[in-house]
Amino acid sequence: MAKQSKGKLVVVTPGFDYTPLGAEVADQVREAAEAIRQKIKRTTEDIIAIGQALLAVKDVLEHGQFGQWLKAEFGWTDRTARNFMAVAAAFGPKTEMSSELQIDPTAAYLLAAPSVPEQAREQALERTEAGGAH
């Protein structure tokens, strides 16, 4: 997971010690963790897809209509839409990576922020792909 600390992006590697658990409980908890990871992956993929759809709508609407459309259709502010669109712009073009993206939505929003240098984003994604974070 990515976190911001004093203006720096830090990748945190989570881990849990399953050894004190009984075998049956450990298996159940590991299976739950994997199921949750798959749902997080789908959530991130959905965020990218929503952002891409928002970008497409914004492109076809005239100036000033996008904000009105967001409010009427979803009750969203421009900022909410910008978060989705930033994730789509940052990660959507990387189609080969998107299907294997193992990053949680909060980290995706943080990494997609305009203030995050592209190099930091790429390093975080490389660590994620290598199994260093989820």
Protein backbone atom coordinates (compact mmCIF):
# COMPACT_ATOMS: atom_id res chain seq x y z
CA MET A 1 0.00 0.00 0.00
CA ALA A 2 1.22 3.51 -0.72
CA LYS A 3 1.13 6.23 1.91
CA GLN A 4 2.29 9.82 1.85
CA SER A 5 4.70 10.82 4.58
CA LYS A 6 6.04 14.38 4.70
CA GLY A 7 5.56 14.79 0.94
CA LYS A 8 7.22 11.46 0.14
CA LEU A 9 5.48 8.37 -1.17
CA VAL A 10 6.22 5.28 0.92
CA VAL A 11 5.30 1.72 -0.09
CA VAL A 12 4.35 -0.42 2.90
CA THR A 13 4.62 -4.19 2.72
CA PRO A 14 1.94 -5.81 4.86
CA GLY A 15 2.45 -9.20 6.43
CA PHE A 16 0.74 -11.39 8.94
CA ASP A 17 2.24 -14.18 11.02
CA TYR A 18 -0.02 -17.20 10.55
CA THR A 19 2.16 -19.55 12.62
CA PRO A 20 0.31 -19.06 15.95
CA LEU A 21 -2.99 -20.03 14.30
CA GLY A 22 -4.23 -23.55 13.98
CA ALA A 23 -4.00 -25.04 10.48
CA GLU A 24 -7.75 -24.83 9.83
CA VAL A 25 -8.01 -21.20 11.00
CA ALA A 26 -4.85 -20.22 9.09
CA ASP A 27 -6.26 -21.72 5.89
CA GLN A 28 -9.59 -19.97 6.37
CA VAL A 29 -7.93 -16.61 7.02
CA ARG A 30 -5.53 -17.00 4.06
CA GLU A 31 -8.46 -17.84 1.77
CA ALA A 32 -10.35 -14.78 3.01
CA ALA A 33 -7.30 -12.61 2.36
CA GLU A 34 -7.03 -13.91 -1.20
CA ALA A 35 -10.75 -13.37 -1.84
CA ILE A 36 -10.45 -9.82 -0.53
CA ARG A 37 -7.39 -9.17 -2.74
CA GLN A 38 -9.36 -10.29 -5.79
CA LYS A 39 -12.22 -7.95 -4.89
CA ILE A 40 -9.78 -5.07 -4.36
CA LYS A 41 -8.26 -5.79 -7.76
CA ARG A 42 -11.72 -5.70 -9.36
CA THR A 43 -12.51 -2.48 -7.49
CA THR A 44 -9.36 -0.85 -8.85
CA GLU A 45 -10.16 -2.10 -12.36
CA ASP A 46 -13.67 -0.63 -11.96
CA ILE A 47 -12.22 2.70 -10.83
CA ILE A 48 -10.06 2.77 -13.98
CA ALA A 49 -13.08 1.92 -16.17
CA ILE A 50 -15.22 4.59 -14.49
CA GLY A 51 -12.46 7.14 -14.95
CA GLN A 52 -12.13 6.26 -18.63
CA ALA A 53 -15.89 6.61 -19.10
CA LEU A 54 -15.85 9.98 -17.33
CA LEU A 55 -12.99 11.18 -19.53
CA ALA A 56 -14.94 10.16 -22.62
CA VAL A 57 -18.07 12.00 -21.45
CA LYS A 58 -16.07 15.08 -20.52
CA ASP A 59 -14.58 15.12 -24.03
CA VAL A 60 -17.98 15.23 -25.74
CA LEU A 61 -19.78 17.69 -23.47
CA GLU A 62 -19.45 21.41 -23.94
CA HIS A 63 -17.65 23.55 -21.35
CA GLY A 64 -19.68 23.77 -18.14
CA GLN A 65 -21.92 20.78 -18.86
CA PHE A 66 -19.71 18.13 -17.28
CA GLY A 67 -20.14 19.41 -13.72
CA GLN A 68 -23.90 19.71 -14.20
CA TRP A 69 -24.05 16.18 -15.61
CA LEU A 70 -22.02 14.78 -12.66
CA LYS A 71 -24.31 16.41 -10.13
CA ALA A 72 -27.53 15.39 -11.90
CA GLU A 73 -26.53 11.78 -12.59
CA PHE A 74 -24.49 10.89 -9.50
CA GLY A 75 -24.59 13.78 -7.03
CA TRP A 76 -20.81 14.02 -7.46
CA THR A 77 -18.54 17.00 -7.32
CA ASP A 78 -15.90 17.72 -9.91
CA ARG A 79 -13.25 16.58 -7.39
CA THR A 80 -14.80 13.12 -7.13
CA ALA A 81 -14.73 12.75 -10.91
CA ARG A 82 -11.15 14.09 -11.07
CA ASN A 83 -10.04 11.32 -8.68
CA PHE A 84 -11.47 8.62 -10.96
CA MET A 85 -10.11 10.32 -14.09
CA ALA A 86 -6.63 10.72 -12.57
CA VAL A 87 -6.46 6.98 -11.81
CA ALA A 88 -7.62 6.19 -15.36
CA ALA A 89 -5.06 8.57 -16.85
CA ALA A 90 -2.25 7.20 -14.67
CA PHE A 91 -3.01 3.49 -14.96
CA GLY A 92 -5.50 2.97 -17.79
CA PRO A 93 -3.01 3.38 -20.64
CA LYS A 94 -0.90 0.59 -19.15
CA THR A 95 -3.32 -2.09 -20.36
CA GLU A 96 -0.92 -4.97 -19.80
CA MET A 97 -0.42 -3.76 -16.25
CA SER A 98 -4.08 -3.04 -15.57
CA SER A 99 -5.08 -6.69 -15.84
CA GLU A 100 -2.43 -7.61 -13.27
CA LEU A 101 -2.78 -4.51 -11.10
CA GLN A 102 -2.51 -5.50 -7.44
CA ILE A 103 -2.92 -2.17 -5.73
CA ASP A 104 -5.69 -1.03 -3.46
CA PRO A 105 -7.95 1.84 -4.50
CA THR A 106 -6.63 4.27 -1.88
CA ALA A 107 -3.08 3.70 -3.08
CA ALA A 108 -4.21 4.15 -6.68
CA TYR A 109 -5.74 7.54 -5.82
CA LEU A 110 -2.57 8.60 -3.98
CA LEU A 111 -0.29 7.44 -6.79
CA ALA A 112 -2.45 9.10 -9.46
CA ALA A 113 -2.28 12.51 -7.77
CA PRO A 114 -0.68 15.14 -10.02
CA SER A 115 1.88 15.89 -7.28
CA VAL A 116 3.34 12.36 -7.49
CA PRO A 117 6.31 12.19 -9.87
CA GLU A 118 5.98 9.61 -12.65
CA GLN A 119 9.19 7.94 -11.43
CA ALA A 120 7.71 7.40 -7.95
CA ARG A 121 4.52 5.98 -9.49
CA GLU A 122 6.53 3.56 -11.65
CA GLN A 123 8.66 2.43 -8.70
CA ALA A 124 5.57 1.75 -6.59
CA LEU A 125 4.01 -0.25 -9.42
CA GLU A 126 7.21 -2.25 -9.94
CA ARG A 127 7.25 -3.14 -6.25
CA THR A 128 3.58 -4.09 -6.41
CA GLU A 129 4.12 -6.31 -9.46
CA ALA A 130 7.05 -7.96 -7.68
CA GLY A 131 4.75 -8.84 -4.78
CA GLY A 132 6.02 -6.12 -2.45
CA ALA A 133 2.63 -4.54 -1.75
CA HIS A 134 -1.09 -4.98 -2.32
